[in-house]
Amino acid sequence: MSRLPKIGLLLLALIYVGTSASIAQQPGTSQYKCMIQMTNYMGEKAYVVVSLINSKGAYEKTLYVLGSDKKWYPDVKEWHKALGRKKPNISAITGASVAGGDRSVTVLEIDNAKINKEYKLRFESAVEDKPYYVKDLEIPLTTEALSAKNEGTGYIRYVRFSPTTSN
């Protein structure tokens, strides 16, 4: 057998292996850096919950919680009520609460099947001894909204997203 067919077979095998590996690494989710810029309010640090809301307006999934002390979770009223009696383990998706004027950057994992399908991202915020905002920011889960600057209405000044690079 000449060298040309052997090289061709080797190239085909490498292309097949590379294609199979990249298909296997393509999960059904995408990761987005989420930067939350807070307003310059005075007071304690805010607890912010980022939730996936379905087309009927119901909570579907908690994506991230800024604030790790569970004793303050009831202050984020609607989210806490939606969790129900069985509280899921959210320790893997919690981080520090955020103070007025500060910003927080975290990574959200979003199911690709939910994007551009009438879902929303809700940012709920609460600060001790201050008003509670059930919809400090609520944006449609669309590629357009994920590439825009989204203005908050309470403690959140704005939120920006950027896709992360794959591993």
C-alpha atoms as a PDB file:
ATOM      1  CA  MET A   1       0.000   0.000   0.000  1.00  0.00           C
ATOM      2  CA  SER A   2       1.389   3.422  -0.933  1.00  0.00           C
ATOM      3  CA  ARG A   3       1.952   6.214   1.589  1.00  0.00           C
ATOM      4  CA  LEU A   4      -0.827   8.441   0.187  1.00  0.00           C
ATOM      5  CA  PRO A   5      -3.769   6.172   1.139  1.00  0.00           C
ATOM      6  CA  LYS A   6      -2.235   5.548   4.588  1.00  0.00           C
ATOM      7  CA  ILE A   7      -1.945   9.306   5.225  1.00  0.00           C
ATOM      8  CA  GLY A   8      -5.507   9.804   3.971  1.00  0.00           C
ATOM      9  CA  LEU A   9      -6.817   7.112   6.327  1.00  0.00           C
ATOM     10  CA  LEU A  10      -4.864   8.613   9.217  1.00  0.00           C
ATOM     11  CA  LEU A  11      -6.314  12.079   8.500  1.00  0.00           C
ATOM     12  CA  LEU A  12      -9.848  10.663   8.300  1.00  0.00           C
ATOM     13  CA  ALA A  13      -9.339   8.886  11.629  1.00  0.00           C
ATOM     14  CA  LEU A  14      -8.075  12.091  13.265  1.00  0.00           C
ATOM     15  CA  ILE A  15     -10.989  14.093  11.872  1.00  0.00           C
ATOM     16  CA  TYR A  16     -13.446  11.479  13.170  1.00  0.00           C
ATOM     17  CA  VAL A  17     -11.875  11.425  16.652  1.00  0.00           C
ATOM     18  CA  GLY A  18     -11.758  15.248  16.806  1.00  0.00           C
ATOM     19  CA  THR A  19     -15.368  15.554  15.669  1.00  0.00           C
ATOM     20  CA  SER A  20     -16.556  12.920  18.143  1.00  0.00           C
ATOM     21  CA  ALA A  21     -14.707  14.591  21.004  1.00  0.00           C
ATOM     22  CA  SER A  22     -16.122  18.033  20.240  1.00  0.00           C
ATOM     23  CA  ILE A  23     -19.664  16.657  19.962  1.00  0.00           C
ATOM     24  CA  ALA A  24     -19.267  14.889  23.296  1.00  0.00           C
ATOM     25  CA  GLN A  25     -18.035  18.134  24.922  1.00  0.00           C
ATOM     26  CA  GLN A  26     -20.991  20.213  23.732  1.00  0.00           C
ATOM     27  CA  PRO A  27     -23.297  20.203  26.767  1.00  0.00           C
ATOM     28  CA  GLY A  28     -26.882  21.374  26.707  1.00  0.00           C
ATOM     29  CA  THR A  29     -25.895  24.427  28.750  1.00  0.00           C
ATOM     30  CA  SER A  30     -23.889  27.586  28.223  1.00  0.00           C
ATOM     31  CA  GLN A  31     -22.009  29.568  30.817  1.00  0.00           C
ATOM     32  CA  TYR A  32     -22.342  33.335  31.046  1.00  0.00           C
ATOM     33  CA  LYS A  33     -20.383  35.726  33.205  1.00  0.00           C
ATOM     34  CA  CYS A  34     -22.938  37.844  35.017  1.00  0.00           C
ATOM     35  CA  MET A  35     -21.780  41.201  36.356  1.00  0.00           C
ATOM     36  CA  ILE A  36     -24.163  42.881  38.798  1.00  0.00           C
ATOM     37  CA  GLN A  37     -23.471  46.549  39.554  1.00  0.00           C
ATOM     38  CA  MET A  38     -25.280  47.786  42.665  1.00  0.00           C
ATOM     39  CA  THR A  39     -26.628  51.299  43.271  1.00  0.00           C
ATOM     40  CA  ASN A  40     -24.962  53.460  45.932  1.00  0.00           C
ATOM     41  CA  TYR A  41     -27.545  52.722  48.631  1.00  0.00           C
ATOM     42  CA  MET A  42     -26.722  53.024  52.346  1.00  0.00           C
ATOM     43  CA  GLY A  43     -27.217  50.060  54.634  1.00  0.00           C
ATOM     44  CA  GLU A  44     -26.413  46.393  54.974  1.00  0.00           C
ATOM     45  CA  LYS A  45     -25.255  44.169  52.126  1.00  0.00           C
ATOM     46  CA  ALA A  46     -27.941  42.964  49.731  1.00  0.00           C
ATOM     47  CA  TYR A  47     -29.074  39.421  49.135  1.00  0.00           C
ATOM     48  CA  VAL A  48     -29.752  38.873  45.443  1.00  0.00           C
ATOM     49  CA  VAL A  49     -31.332  35.749  43.965  1.00  0.00           C
ATOM     50  CA  VAL A  50     -31.130  34.987  40.242  1.00  0.00           C
ATOM     51  CA  SER A  51     -33.924  32.642  39.125  1.00  0.00           C
ATOM     52  CA  LEU A  52     -35.160  31.101  35.907  1.00  0.00           C
ATOM     53  CA  ILE A  53     -38.848  31.941  35.445  1.00  0.00           C
ATOM     54  CA  ASN A  54     -40.990  29.946  32.992  1.00  0.00           C
ATOM     55  CA  SER A  55     -43.545  31.272  30.516  1.00  0.00           C
ATOM     56  CA  LYS A  56     -46.322  31.003  33.146  1.00  0.00           C
ATOM     57  CA  GLY A  57     -44.403  33.218  35.574  1.00  0.00           C
ATOM     58  CA  ALA A  58     -43.463  30.373  37.929  1.00  0.00           C
ATOM     59  CA  TYR A  59     -40.052  29.730  39.426  1.00  0.00           C
ATOM     60  CA  GLU A  60     -38.296  26.908  37.607  1.00  0.00           C
ATOM     61  CA  LYS A  61     -34.734  26.989  38.910  1.00  0.00           C
ATOM     62  CA  THR A  62     -32.441  28.986  41.176  1.00  0.00           C
ATOM     63  CA  LEU A  63     -29.365  29.946  39.159  1.00  0.00           C
ATOM     64  CA  TYR A  64     -27.414  31.838  41.825  1.00  0.00           C
ATOM     65  CA  VAL A  65     -27.751  33.344  45.312  1.00  0.00           C
ATOM     66  CA  LEU A  66     -25.620  36.253  46.490  1.00  0.00           C
ATOM     67  CA  GLY A  67     -25.722  35.783  50.249  1.00  0.00           C
ATOM     68  CA  SER A  68     -24.888  32.546  52.009  1.00  0.00           C
ATOM     69  CA  ASP A  69     -26.464  32.963  55.466  1.00  0.00           C
ATOM     70  CA  LYS A  70     -29.659  30.895  55.313  1.00  0.00           C
ATOM     71  CA  LYS A  71     -31.284  32.837  58.166  1.00  0.00           C
ATOM     72  CA  TRP A  72     -31.817  35.764  55.762  1.00  0.00           C
ATOM     73  CA  TYR A  73     -33.355  33.720  52.923  1.00  0.00           C
ATOM     74  CA  PRO A  74     -36.938  34.390  54.144  1.00  0.00           C
ATOM     75  CA  ASP A  75     -36.296  38.100  53.416  1.00  0.00           C
ATOM     76  CA  VAL A  76     -36.198  37.205  49.712  1.00  0.00           C
ATOM     77  CA  LYS A  77     -39.892  36.440  50.090  1.00  0.00           C
ATOM     78  CA  GLU A  78     -41.218  35.209  46.738  1.00  0.00           C
ATOM     79  CA  TRP A  79     -38.186  33.050  45.991  1.00  0.00           C
ATOM     80  CA  HIS A  80     -38.197  31.587  49.504  1.00  0.00           C
ATOM     81  CA  LYS A  81     -41.923  30.822  49.232  1.00  0.00           C
ATOM     82  CA  ALA A  82     -41.377  29.166  45.834  1.00  0.00           C
ATOM     83  CA  LEU A  83     -38.743  26.852  47.323  1.00  0.00           C
ATOM     84  CA  GLY A  84     -41.468  25.312  49.489  1.00  0.00           C
ATOM     85  CA  ARG A  85     -40.950  23.051  52.462  1.00  0.00           C
ATOM     86  CA  LYS A  86     -38.230  20.994  50.810  1.00  0.00           C
ATOM     87  CA  LYS A  87     -35.283  23.331  50.522  1.00  0.00           C
ATOM     88  CA  PRO A  88     -32.848  22.215  47.821  1.00  0.00           C
ATOM     89  CA  ASN A  89     -29.121  22.241  48.530  1.00  0.00           C
ATOM     90  CA  ILE A  90     -27.950  25.462  46.898  1.00  0.00           C
ATOM     91  CA  SER A  91     -24.513  25.680  48.511  1.00  0.00           C
ATOM     92  CA  ALA A  92     -22.811  25.164  45.122  1.00  0.00           C
ATOM     93  CA  ILE A  93     -24.537  28.248  43.697  1.00  0.00           C
ATOM     94  CA  THR A  94     -24.127  30.714  46.557  1.00  0.00           C
ATOM     95  CA  GLY A  95     -21.650  33.504  47.122  1.00  0.00           C
ATOM     96  CA  ALA A  96     -21.126  36.568  49.260  1.00  0.00           C
ATOM     97  CA  SER A  97     -23.807  39.227  49.592  1.00  0.00           C
ATOM     98  CA  VAL A  98     -22.991  42.528  47.897  1.00  0.00           C
ATOM     99  CA  ALA A  99     -22.799  46.052  49.330  1.00  0.00           C
ATOM    100  CA  GLY A 100     -24.116  49.306  47.920  1.00  0.00           C
ATOM    101  CA  GLY A 101     -21.928  50.636  45.101  1.00  0.00           C
ATOM    102  CA  ASP A 102     -20.086  47.325  44.748  1.00  0.00           C
ATOM    103  CA  ARG A 103     -20.238  44.836  41.930  1.00  0.00           C
ATOM    104  CA  SER A 104     -20.311  41.095  41.818  1.00  0.00           C
ATOM    105  CA  VAL A 105     -19.216  38.831  38.988  1.00  0.00           C
ATOM    106  CA  THR A 106     -20.329  35.242  38.882  1.00  0.00           C
ATOM    107  CA  VAL A 107     -20.898  32.558  36.261  1.00  0.00           C
ATOM    108  CA  LEU A 108     -24.425  31.372  35.505  1.00  0.00           C
ATOM    109  CA  GLU A 109     -25.073  28.081  33.766  1.00  0.00           C
ATOM    110  CA  ILE A 110     -28.089  28.363  31.481  1.00  0.00           C
ATOM    111  CA  ASP A 111     -29.850  25.547  29.636  1.00  0.00           C
ATOM    112  CA  ASN A 112     -29.554  26.312  25.908  1.00  0.00           C
ATOM    113  CA  ALA A 113     -33.058  24.935  25.303  1.00  0.00           C
ATOM    114  CA  LYS A 114     -34.519  27.750  27.468  1.00  0.00           C
ATOM    115  CA  ILE A 115     -32.964  30.629  25.498  1.00  0.00           C
ATOM    116  CA  ASN A 116     -35.390  32.425  23.129  1.00  0.00           C
ATOM    117  CA  LYS A 117     -38.283  30.290  24.476  1.00  0.00           C
ATOM    118  CA  GLU A 118     -40.369  32.703  26.626  1.00  0.00           C
ATOM    119  CA  TYR A 119     -38.310  32.234  29.798  1.00  0.00           C
ATOM    120  CA  LYS A 120     -37.084  35.108  31.964  1.00  0.00           C
ATOM    121  CA  LEU A 121     -34.262  35.757  34.374  1.00  0.00           C
ATOM    122  CA  ARG A 122     -35.448  37.358  37.601  1.00  0.00           C
ATOM    123  CA  PHE A 123     -33.123  39.215  39.943  1.00  0.00           C
ATOM    124  CA  GLU A 124     -34.769  39.536  43.345  1.00  0.00           C
ATOM    125  CA  SER A 125     -33.124  41.678  46.030  1.00  0.00           C
ATOM    126  CA  ALA A 126     -33.474  42.315  49.745  1.00  0.00           C
ATOM    127  CA  VAL A 127     -31.592  44.454  52.266  1.00  0.00           C
ATOM    128  CA  GLU A 128     -32.152  44.315  56.019  1.00  0.00           C
ATOM    129  CA  ASP A 129     -34.599  47.016  57.225  1.00  0.00           C
ATOM    130  CA  LYS A 130     -35.144  48.302  53.667  1.00  0.00           C
ATOM    131  CA  PRO A 131     -37.713  47.629  50.903  1.00  0.00           C
ATOM    132  CA  TYR A 132     -37.753  44.257  49.152  1.00  0.00           C
ATOM    133  CA  TYR A 133     -37.754  44.082  45.333  1.00  0.00           C
ATOM    134  CA  VAL A 134     -39.314  40.921  43.919  1.00  0.00           C
ATOM    135  CA  LYS A 135     -38.462  42.108  40.392  1.00  0.00           C
ATOM    136  CA  ASP A 136     -35.455  44.340  40.893  1.00  0.00           C
ATOM    137  CA  LEU A 137     -34.654  43.234  37.363  1.00  0.00           C
ATOM    138  CA  GLU A 138     -36.519  40.803  35.140  1.00  0.00           C
ATOM    139  CA  ILE A 139     -35.330  40.250  31.603  1.00  0.00           C
ATOM    140  CA  PRO A 140     -36.435  37.921  28.823  1.00  0.00           C
ATOM    141  CA  LEU A 141     -34.006  35.033  28.381  1.00  0.00           C
ATOM    142  CA  THR A 142     -33.083  35.913  24.819  1.00  0.00           C
ATOM    143  CA  THR A 143     -29.790  36.213  22.992  1.00  0.00           C
ATOM    144  CA  GLU A 144     -30.567  39.925  22.559  1.00  0.00           C
ATOM    145  CA  ALA A 145     -31.105  40.532  26.296  1.00  0.00           C
ATOM    146  CA  LEU A 146     -28.011  38.481  27.171  1.00  0.00           C
ATOM    147  CA  SER A 147     -25.910  40.827  25.046  1.00  0.00           C
ATOM    148  CA  ALA A 148     -27.432  44.081  26.388  1.00  0.00           C
ATOM    149  CA  LYS A 149     -27.000  46.200  29.506  1.00  0.00           C
ATOM    150  CA  ASN A 150     -30.098  45.617  31.659  1.00  0.00           C
ATOM    151  CA  GLU A 151     -31.161  48.305  34.173  1.00  0.00           C
ATOM    152  CA  GLY A 152     -32.422  47.372  37.643  1.00  0.00           C
ATOM    153  CA  THR A 153     -35.227  49.108  39.545  1.00  0.00           C
ATOM    154  CA  GLY A 154     -34.116  48.683  43.169  1.00  0.00           C
ATOM    155  CA  TYR A 155     -30.674  47.984  44.620  1.00  0.00           C
ATOM    156  CA  ILE A 156     -29.324  46.775  41.279  1.00  0.00           C
ATOM    157  CA  ARG A 157     -28.091  49.551  38.983  1.00  0.00           C
ATOM    158  CA  TYR A 158     -27.528  47.207  36.021  1.00  0.00           C
ATOM    159  CA  VAL A 159     -26.554  43.703  34.937  1.00  0.00           C
ATOM    160  CA  ARG A 160     -24.379  42.666  31.993  1.00  0.00           C
ATOM    161  CA  PHE A 161     -23.667  39.217  30.610  1.00  0.00           C
ATOM    162  CA  SER A 162     -20.839  37.847  28.516  1.00  0.00           C
ATOM    163  CA  PRO A 163     -20.447  34.278  27.277  1.00  0.00           C
ATOM    164  CA  THR A 164     -17.509  32.379  28.742  1.00  0.00           C
ATOM    165  CA  THR A 165     -15.122  30.397  26.625  1.00  0.00           C
ATOM    166  CA  SER A 166     -15.517  26.639  26.720  1.00  0.00           C
ATOM    167  CA  ASN A 167     -13.110  24.443  28.654  1.00  0.00           C
END
